[in-house]
Amino acid sequence: MSNLSEERRKILNLLSEGKINASEAEKLLESLSSAPTEEGQMKSAPKYLRVIVDGDKGPHGGKVNVRVPMNLIRAGMRLAALLPTVAHEPINKALKENGVDFDVSKVKPENLEELVQHLTDLSVDVEGNSGEKVRIFCE
């Protein structure tokens, strides 16, 4: 396990034990994400998850430009982690009925920053059959 992962885990443990509040934990986690990487370069935490669809070809052409704050993603993850166990099955069922195959019972606070880190490294570029282009990335 890397030093950054250990430090994140310590911060999350302090938060879960009530020794620090969510705001303090967020500041500490942000300071970790802007610490020098192993290569000695500064890596800043992304502030937004972007989804851009440029598709002026085809019957439903147009442009979509969505910018989701990473803090909103973090808040959603925290909220999902707080859901009572009895709520998991109805929520999972509703999500699946709407095309989202996701198990909310697997969302844990200790996995939050790991997920955000994976989103940080995310960059997807896809071209559809009608010429539309989709880009998903963090900034």
N, C-alpha and C. Protein backbone atom coordinates (compact mmCIF):
# COMPACT_ATOMS: atom_id res chain seq x y z
N MET A 1 0.85 -1.17 0.00
CA MET A 1 0.00 0.00 0.00
C MET A 1 0.90 1.24 0.00
N SER A 2 0.56 2.23 -0.83
CA SER A 2 1.38 3.43 -0.92
C SER A 2 1.17 4.31 0.30
N ASN A 3 2.13 5.21 0.52
CA ASN A 3 2.04 6.14 1.65
C ASN A 3 0.80 7.00 1.56
N LEU A 4 0.45 7.45 0.32
CA LEU A 4 -0.74 8.27 0.17
C LEU A 4 -2.00 7.51 0.56
N SER A 5 -2.09 6.24 0.18
CA SER A 5 -3.25 5.43 0.55
C SER A 5 -3.34 5.27 2.06
N GLU A 6 -2.19 5.05 2.70
CA GLU A 6 -2.18 4.93 4.16
C GLU A 6 -2.61 6.23 4.82
N GLU A 7 -2.12 7.35 4.30
CA GLU A 7 -2.49 8.65 4.86
C GLU A 7 -3.98 8.92 4.67
N ARG A 8 -4.52 8.60 3.51
CA ARG A 8 -5.96 8.78 3.27
C ARG A 8 -6.77 7.93 4.25
N ARG A 9 -6.33 6.70 4.44
CA ARG A 9 -7.04 5.80 5.35
C ARG A 9 -7.02 6.35 6.78
N LYS A 10 -5.87 6.90 7.20
CA LYS A 10 -5.76 7.49 8.54
C LYS A 10 -6.73 8.65 8.70
N ILE A 11 -6.79 9.50 7.67
CA ILE A 11 -7.70 10.65 7.71
C ILE A 11 -9.15 10.18 7.79
N LEU A 12 -9.51 9.19 6.98
CA LEU A 12 -10.88 8.67 7.00
C LEU A 12 -11.21 8.01 8.34
N ASN A 13 -10.23 7.35 8.94
CA ASN A 13 -10.44 6.76 10.27
C ASN A 13 -10.68 7.85 11.31
N LEU A 14 -9.89 8.93 11.25
CA LEU A 14 -10.10 10.05 12.18
C LEU A 14 -11.50 10.61 12.02
N LEU A 15 -11.96 10.71 10.77
CA LEU A 15 -13.30 11.21 10.51
C LEU A 15 -14.36 10.26 11.08
N SER A 16 -14.20 8.96 10.83
CA SER A 16 -15.20 7.99 11.32
C SER A 16 -15.22 7.91 12.84
N GLU A 17 -14.08 8.21 13.48
CA GLU A 17 -14.02 8.19 14.95
C GLU A 17 -14.49 9.50 15.56
N GLY A 18 -14.81 10.48 14.70
CA GLY A 18 -15.31 11.76 15.19
C GLY A 18 -14.22 12.68 15.72
N LYS A 19 -12.96 12.37 15.44
CA LYS A 19 -11.85 13.20 15.93
C LYS A 19 -11.66 14.44 15.07
N ILE A 20 -12.12 14.38 13.82
CA ILE A 20 -12.13 15.55 12.94
C ILE A 20 -13.48 15.59 12.24
N ASN A 21 -13.87 16.77 11.75
CA ASN A 21 -15.15 16.86 11.03
C ASN A 21 -14.92 16.70 9.53
N ALA A 22 -16.00 16.67 8.76
CA ALA A 22 -15.90 16.42 7.32
C ALA A 22 -15.10 17.51 6.62
N SER A 23 -15.27 18.75 7.03
CA SER A 23 -14.53 19.85 6.41
C SER A 23 -13.03 19.71 6.64
N GLU A 24 -12.65 19.36 7.86
CA GLU A 24 -11.23 19.17 8.17
C GLU A 24 -10.66 17.98 7.38
N ALA A 25 -11.44 16.91 7.28
CA ALA A 25 -10.99 15.74 6.53
C ALA A 25 -10.80 16.09 5.06
N GLU A 26 -11.73 16.87 4.51
CA GLU A 26 -11.63 17.26 3.11
C GLU A 26 -10.37 18.10 2.86
N LYS A 27 -10.08 19.02 3.77
CA LYS A 27 -8.86 19.84 3.62
C LYS A 27 -7.60 18.99 3.69
N LEU A 28 -7.58 18.03 4.61
CA LEU A 28 -6.42 17.14 4.72
C LEU A 28 -6.27 16.29 3.46
N LEU A 29 -7.39 15.76 2.96
CA LEU A 29 -7.33 14.93 1.76
C LEU A 29 -6.89 15.76 0.54
N GLU A 30 -7.36 17.00 0.46
CA GLU A 30 -6.94 17.87 -0.64
C GLU A 30 -5.44 18.15 -0.56
N SER A 31 -4.93 18.34 0.67
CA SER A 31 -3.50 18.60 0.80
C SER A 31 -2.68 17.38 0.37
N LEU A 32 -3.22 16.18 0.62
CA LEU A 32 -2.53 14.97 0.17
C LEU A 32 -2.52 14.88 -1.35
N SER A 33 -3.65 15.22 -1.96
CA SER A 33 -3.74 15.07 -3.42
C SER A 33 -2.88 16.09 -4.15
N SER A 34 -2.50 17.18 -3.48
CA SER A 34 -1.64 18.16 -4.14
C SER A 34 -0.18 18.00 -3.72
N ALA A 35 0.11 16.93 -2.97
CA ALA A 35 1.49 16.65 -2.57
C ALA A 35 2.28 16.15 -3.78
N PRO A 36 3.60 16.29 -3.76
CA PRO A 36 4.40 15.81 -4.89
C PRO A 36 4.20 14.31 -5.11
N THR A 37 4.13 13.91 -6.37
CA THR A 37 4.01 12.49 -6.70
C THR A 37 5.37 11.84 -6.59
N GLU A 38 5.43 10.53 -6.80
CA GLU A 38 6.70 9.81 -6.72
C GLU A 38 7.70 10.35 -7.73
N GLU A 39 7.20 10.88 -8.85
CA GLU A 39 8.09 11.44 -9.86
C GLU A 39 8.53 12.85 -9.49
N GLY A 40 8.05 13.38 -8.37
CA GLY A 40 8.43 14.71 -7.92
C GLY A 40 7.58 15.82 -8.51
N GLN A 41 6.56 15.47 -9.31
CA GLN A 41 5.70 16.48 -9.90
C GLN A 41 4.50 16.72 -9.01
N MET A 42 3.97 17.93 -9.06
CA MET A 42 2.76 18.24 -8.30
C MET A 42 1.56 17.73 -9.08
N LYS A 43 0.67 17.07 -8.41
CA LYS A 43 -0.54 16.58 -9.05
C LYS A 43 -1.72 17.17 -8.28
N SER A 44 -2.45 18.07 -8.91
CA SER A 44 -3.56 18.69 -8.21
C SER A 44 -4.83 17.86 -8.42
N ALA A 45 -5.68 17.93 -7.44
CA ALA A 45 -6.93 17.18 -7.49
C ALA A 45 -7.87 17.85 -8.49
N PRO A 46 -8.56 17.07 -9.30
CA PRO A 46 -9.50 17.68 -10.25
C PRO A 46 -10.70 18.25 -9.50
N LYS A 47 -11.28 19.26 -10.07
CA LYS A 47 -12.44 19.89 -9.45
C LYS A 47 -13.75 19.47 -10.12
N TYR A 48 -13.66 18.97 -11.38
CA TYR A 48 -14.87 18.64 -12.12
C TYR A 48 -14.70 17.35 -12.93
N LEU A 49 -15.81 16.64 -13.10
CA LEU A 49 -15.91 15.54 -14.04
C LEU A 49 -16.68 16.10 -15.23
N ARG A 50 -16.09 16.07 -16.42
CA ARG A 50 -16.71 16.66 -17.61
C ARG A 50 -17.21 15.56 -18.54
N VAL A 51 -18.39 15.79 -19.11
CA VAL A 51 -18.94 14.94 -20.15
C VAL A 51 -19.35 15.86 -21.29
N ILE A 52 -18.72 15.66 -22.44
CA ILE A 52 -19.02 16.48 -23.61
C ILE A 52 -19.48 15.57 -24.73
N VAL A 53 -20.64 15.89 -25.31
CA VAL A 53 -21.15 15.16 -26.46
C VAL A 53 -21.32 16.18 -27.58
N ASP A 54 -20.59 15.98 -28.65
CA ASP A 54 -20.68 16.86 -29.81
C ASP A 54 -21.26 16.03 -30.93
N GLY A 55 -22.54 16.23 -31.20
CA GLY A 55 -23.21 15.37 -32.18
C GLY A 55 -24.22 16.12 -33.00
N ASP A 56 -23.77 16.98 -33.89
CA ASP A 56 -24.72 17.73 -34.70
C ASP A 56 -25.12 16.94 -35.95
N LYS A 57 -24.72 15.67 -36.03
CA LYS A 57 -25.12 14.81 -37.14
C LYS A 57 -26.21 13.86 -36.63
N GLY A 58 -27.11 13.49 -37.46
CA GLY A 58 -28.15 12.55 -37.07
C GLY A 58 -29.40 13.27 -36.61
N PRO A 59 -30.49 12.52 -36.34
CA PRO A 59 -31.79 13.12 -36.01
C PRO A 59 -31.81 13.83 -34.65
N HIS A 60 -30.98 13.41 -33.72
CA HIS A 60 -31.00 14.01 -32.39
C HIS A 60 -29.72 14.80 -32.13
N GLY A 61 -29.19 15.40 -33.16
CA GLY A 61 -27.93 16.12 -33.06
C GLY A 61 -27.99 17.26 -32.08
N GLY A 62 -26.86 17.70 -31.65
CA GLY A 62 -26.76 18.80 -30.70
C GLY A 62 -25.49 18.67 -29.91
N LYS A 63 -25.36 19.53 -28.93
CA LYS A 63 -24.15 19.50 -28.13
C LYS A 63 -24.54 19.47 -26.65
N VAL A 64 -23.85 18.62 -25.90
CA VAL A 64 -24.04 18.51 -24.46
C VAL A 64 -22.70 18.79 -23.82
N ASN A 65 -22.71 19.61 -22.79
CA ASN A 65 -21.48 19.92 -22.07
C ASN A 65 -21.83 19.95 -20.59
N VAL A 66 -21.55 18.84 -19.89
CA VAL A 66 -21.91 18.70 -18.48
C VAL A 66 -20.64 18.77 -17.65
N ARG A 67 -20.69 19.56 -16.60
CA ARG A 67 -19.54 19.73 -15.70
C ARG A 67 -20.03 19.46 -14.28
N VAL A 68 -19.67 18.28 -13.75
CA VAL A 68 -20.13 17.86 -12.42
C VAL A 68 -19.02 18.11 -11.40
N PRO A 69 -19.28 18.93 -10.37
CA PRO A 69 -18.25 19.16 -9.36
C PRO A 69 -17.87 17.86 -8.64
N MET A 70 -16.58 17.65 -8.46
CA MET A 70 -16.11 16.45 -7.76
C MET A 70 -16.66 16.41 -6.33
N ASN A 71 -16.85 17.58 -5.72
CA ASN A 71 -17.42 17.61 -4.37
C ASN A 71 -18.84 17.06 -4.34
N LEU A 72 -19.58 17.22 -5.43
CA LEU A 72 -20.92 16.64 -5.52
C LEU A 72 -20.83 15.12 -5.59
N ILE A 73 -19.85 14.62 -6.33
CA ILE A 73 -19.63 13.17 -6.41
C ILE A 73 -19.25 12.64 -5.03
N ARG A 74 -18.35 13.36 -4.34
CA ARG A 74 -17.95 12.96 -2.99
C ARG A 74 -19.16 12.95 -2.05
N ALA A 75 -19.98 13.98 -2.12
CA ALA A 75 -21.17 14.06 -1.25
C ALA A 75 -22.12 12.91 -1.53
N GLY A 76 -22.31 12.59 -2.80
CA GLY A 76 -23.17 11.46 -3.17
C GLY A 76 -22.64 10.14 -2.63
N MET A 77 -21.33 9.98 -2.69
CA MET A 77 -20.71 8.76 -2.16
C MET A 77 -20.91 8.68 -0.65
N ARG A 78 -20.72 9.80 0.03
CA ARG A 78 -20.91 9.82 1.49
C ARG A 78 -22.36 9.49 1.84
N LEU A 79 -23.28 10.07 1.09
CA LEU A 79 -24.70 9.82 1.33
C LEU A 79 -25.03 8.35 1.12
N ALA A 80 -24.52 7.77 0.05
CA ALA A 80 -24.78 6.35 -0.23
C ALA A 80 -24.22 5.47 0.89
N ALA A 81 -23.07 5.87 1.44
CA ALA A 81 -22.46 5.07 2.51
C ALA A 81 -23.27 5.14 3.81
N LEU A 82 -24.09 6.18 3.95
CA LEU A 82 -24.89 6.35 5.17
C LEU A 82 -26.26 5.68 5.10
N LEU A 83 -26.62 5.15 3.94
CA LEU A 83 -27.93 4.54 3.79
C LEU A 83 -28.06 3.31 4.69
N PRO A 84 -29.20 3.16 5.37
CA PRO A 84 -29.39 1.97 6.20
C PRO A 84 -29.45 0.71 5.33
N THR A 85 -29.03 -0.38 5.89
CA THR A 85 -28.97 -1.65 5.16
C THR A 85 -30.31 -2.04 4.56
N VAL A 86 -31.40 -1.78 5.26
CA VAL A 86 -32.72 -2.16 4.75
C VAL A 86 -33.09 -1.39 3.49
N ALA A 87 -32.44 -0.26 3.23
CA ALA A 87 -32.75 0.55 2.05
C ALA A 87 -31.99 0.09 0.82
N HIS A 88 -30.95 -0.72 0.99
CA HIS A 88 -30.11 -1.11 -0.14
C HIS A 88 -30.89 -1.83 -1.24
N GLU A 89 -31.68 -2.83 -0.87
CA GLU A 89 -32.37 -3.63 -1.89
C GLU A 89 -33.36 -2.80 -2.71
N PRO A 90 -34.23 -1.98 -2.08
CA PRO A 90 -35.16 -1.17 -2.90
C PRO A 90 -34.42 -0.17 -3.79
N ILE A 91 -33.34 0.40 -3.30
CA ILE A 91 -32.59 1.36 -4.10
C ILE A 91 -31.92 0.66 -5.28
N ASN A 92 -31.29 -0.49 -5.01
CA ASN A 92 -30.65 -1.25 -6.09
C ASN A 92 -31.67 -1.65 -7.15
N LYS A 93 -32.86 -2.04 -6.72
CA LYS A 93 -33.91 -2.44 -7.65
C LYS A 93 -34.34 -1.26 -8.51
N ALA A 94 -34.54 -0.10 -7.88
CA ALA A 94 -34.95 1.09 -8.64
C ALA A 94 -33.86 1.52 -9.62
N LEU A 95 -32.61 1.44 -9.19
CA LEU A 95 -31.50 1.79 -10.09
C LEU A 95 -31.47 0.84 -11.30
N LYS A 96 -31.62 -0.46 -11.02
CA LYS A 96 -31.57 -1.46 -12.10
C LYS A 96 -32.72 -1.25 -13.08
N GLU A 97 -33.92 -0.92 -12.57
CA GLU A 97 -35.07 -0.66 -13.44
C GLU A 97 -34.83 0.53 -14.35
N ASN A 98 -33.95 1.43 -13.93
CA ASN A 98 -33.63 2.61 -14.73
C ASN A 98 -32.31 2.46 -15.48
N GLY A 99 -31.84 1.21 -15.62
CA GLY A 99 -30.67 0.93 -16.43
C GLY A 99 -29.33 1.09 -15.74
N VAL A 100 -29.33 1.22 -14.42
CA VAL A 100 -28.07 1.38 -13.68
C VAL A 100 -27.87 0.15 -12.81
N ASP A 101 -26.95 -0.71 -13.21
CA ASP A 101 -26.67 -1.92 -12.45
C ASP A 101 -25.57 -1.61 -11.44
N PHE A 102 -25.98 -1.18 -10.26
CA PHE A 102 -25.03 -0.71 -9.24
C PHE A 102 -25.52 -1.18 -7.88
N ASP A 103 -24.60 -1.62 -7.04
CA ASP A 103 -24.95 -2.11 -5.71
C ASP A 103 -24.50 -1.07 -4.67
N VAL A 104 -25.45 -0.33 -4.10
CA VAL A 104 -25.10 0.72 -3.14
C VAL A 104 -24.51 0.16 -1.85
N SER A 105 -24.72 -1.12 -1.58
CA SER A 105 -24.16 -1.71 -0.36
C SER A 105 -22.64 -1.81 -0.43
N LYS A 106 -22.09 -1.70 -1.63
CA LYS A 106 -20.64 -1.80 -1.78
C LYS A 106 -19.94 -0.45 -1.66
N VAL A 107 -20.69 0.61 -1.47
CA VAL A 107 -20.11 1.94 -1.32
C VAL A 107 -19.68 2.10 0.14
N LYS A 108 -18.40 2.30 0.35
CA LYS A 108 -17.85 2.46 1.69
C LYS A 108 -17.05 3.75 1.75
N PRO A 109 -17.11 4.48 2.87
CA PRO A 109 -16.37 5.74 2.98
C PRO A 109 -14.87 5.57 2.74
N GLU A 110 -14.32 4.44 3.15
CA GLU A 110 -12.88 4.24 2.98
C GLU A 110 -12.49 4.07 1.52
N ASN A 111 -13.46 3.79 0.64
CA ASN A 111 -13.18 3.65 -0.78
C ASN A 111 -13.40 4.94 -1.56
N LEU A 112 -13.88 5.96 -0.89
CA LEU A 112 -14.25 7.21 -1.56
C LEU A 112 -13.09 7.85 -2.30
N GLU A 113 -12.00 8.09 -1.63
CA GLU A 113 -10.88 8.77 -2.27
C GLU A 113 -10.22 7.90 -3.34
N GLU A 114 -10.27 6.59 -3.15
CA GLU A 114 -9.75 5.70 -4.18
C GLU A 114 -10.57 5.83 -5.46
N LEU A 115 -11.89 5.92 -5.32
CA LEU A 115 -12.76 6.11 -6.47
C LEU A 115 -12.48 7.45 -7.14
N VAL A 116 -12.36 8.50 -6.33
CA VAL A 116 -12.08 9.82 -6.88
C VAL A 116 -10.74 9.80 -7.62
N GLN A 117 -9.75 9.09 -7.08
CA GLN A 117 -8.46 8.99 -7.74
C GLN A 117 -8.60 8.29 -9.09
N HIS A 118 -9.43 7.25 -9.16
CA HIS A 118 -9.65 6.57 -10.44
C HIS A 118 -10.34 7.49 -11.43
N LEU A 119 -11.27 8.30 -10.95
CA LEU A 119 -11.93 9.27 -11.82
C LEU A 119 -10.93 10.30 -12.32
N THR A 120 -9.97 10.66 -11.47
CA THR A 120 -8.94 11.63 -11.85
C THR A 120 -8.18 11.15 -13.08
N ASP A 121 -7.88 9.87 -13.13
CA ASP A 121 -7.10 9.31 -14.23
C ASP A 121 -7.96 8.95 -15.44
N LEU A 122 -9.27 9.18 -15.34
CA LEU A 122 -10.20 8.79 -16.39
C LEU A 122 -10.15 9.74 -17.58
N SER A 123 -10.09 9.18 -18.76
CA SER A 123 -10.22 9.95 -19.99
C SER A 123 -10.77 8.99 -21.04
N VAL A 124 -12.00 9.27 -21.49
CA VAL A 124 -12.66 8.41 -22.46
C VAL A 124 -13.05 9.25 -23.67
N ASP A 125 -12.67 8.80 -24.85
CA ASP A 125 -13.06 9.44 -26.10
C ASP A 125 -13.69 8.38 -26.98
N VAL A 126 -14.95 8.62 -27.39
CA VAL A 126 -15.68 7.65 -28.19
C VAL A 126 -16.35 8.37 -29.35
N GLU A 127 -16.36 7.71 -30.53
CA GLU A 127 -17.09 8.26 -31.67
C GLU A 127 -18.22 7.29 -31.99
N GLY A 128 -19.45 7.81 -32.05
CA GLY A 128 -20.62 6.97 -32.31
C GLY A 128 -20.83 6.72 -33.79
N ASN A 129 -21.83 5.90 -34.10
CA ASN A 129 -22.14 5.52 -35.48
C ASN A 129 -22.59 6.70 -36.34
N SER A 130 -23.22 7.68 -35.71
CA SER A 130 -23.73 8.85 -36.45
C SER A 130 -22.73 10.00 -36.47
N GLY A 131 -21.52 9.75 -36.03
CA GLY A 131 -20.50 10.79 -36.06
C GLY A 131 -20.39 11.61 -34.78
N GLU A 132 -21.27 11.32 -33.80
CA GLU A 132 -21.19 12.08 -32.56
C GLU A 132 -19.94 11.67 -31.78
N LYS A 133 -19.37 12.63 -31.09
CA LYS A 133 -18.16 12.37 -30.31
C LYS A 133 -18.47 12.62 -28.84
N VAL A 134 -18.03 11.67 -28.00
CA VAL A 134 -18.26 11.76 -26.56
C VAL A 134 -16.89 11.78 -25.89
N ARG A 135 -16.71 12.74 -24.99
CA ARG A 135 -15.47 12.82 -24.20
C ARG A 135 -15.87 12.88 -22.73
N ILE A 136 -15.20 12.06 -21.91
CA ILE A 136 -15.40 12.07 -20.47
C ILE A 136 -14.02 12.19 -19.85
N PHE A 137 -13.84 13.20 -18.99
CA PHE A 137 -12.54 13.44 -18.38
C PHE A 137 -12.69 14.30 -17.13
N CYS A 138 -11.63 14.40 -16.37
CA CYS A 138 -11.61 15.25 -15.18
C CYS A 138 -10.74 16.46 -15.44
N GLU A 139 -11.13 17.58 -14.82
CA GLU A 139 -10.32 18.79 -14.94
C GLU A 139 -10.27 19.52 -13.63
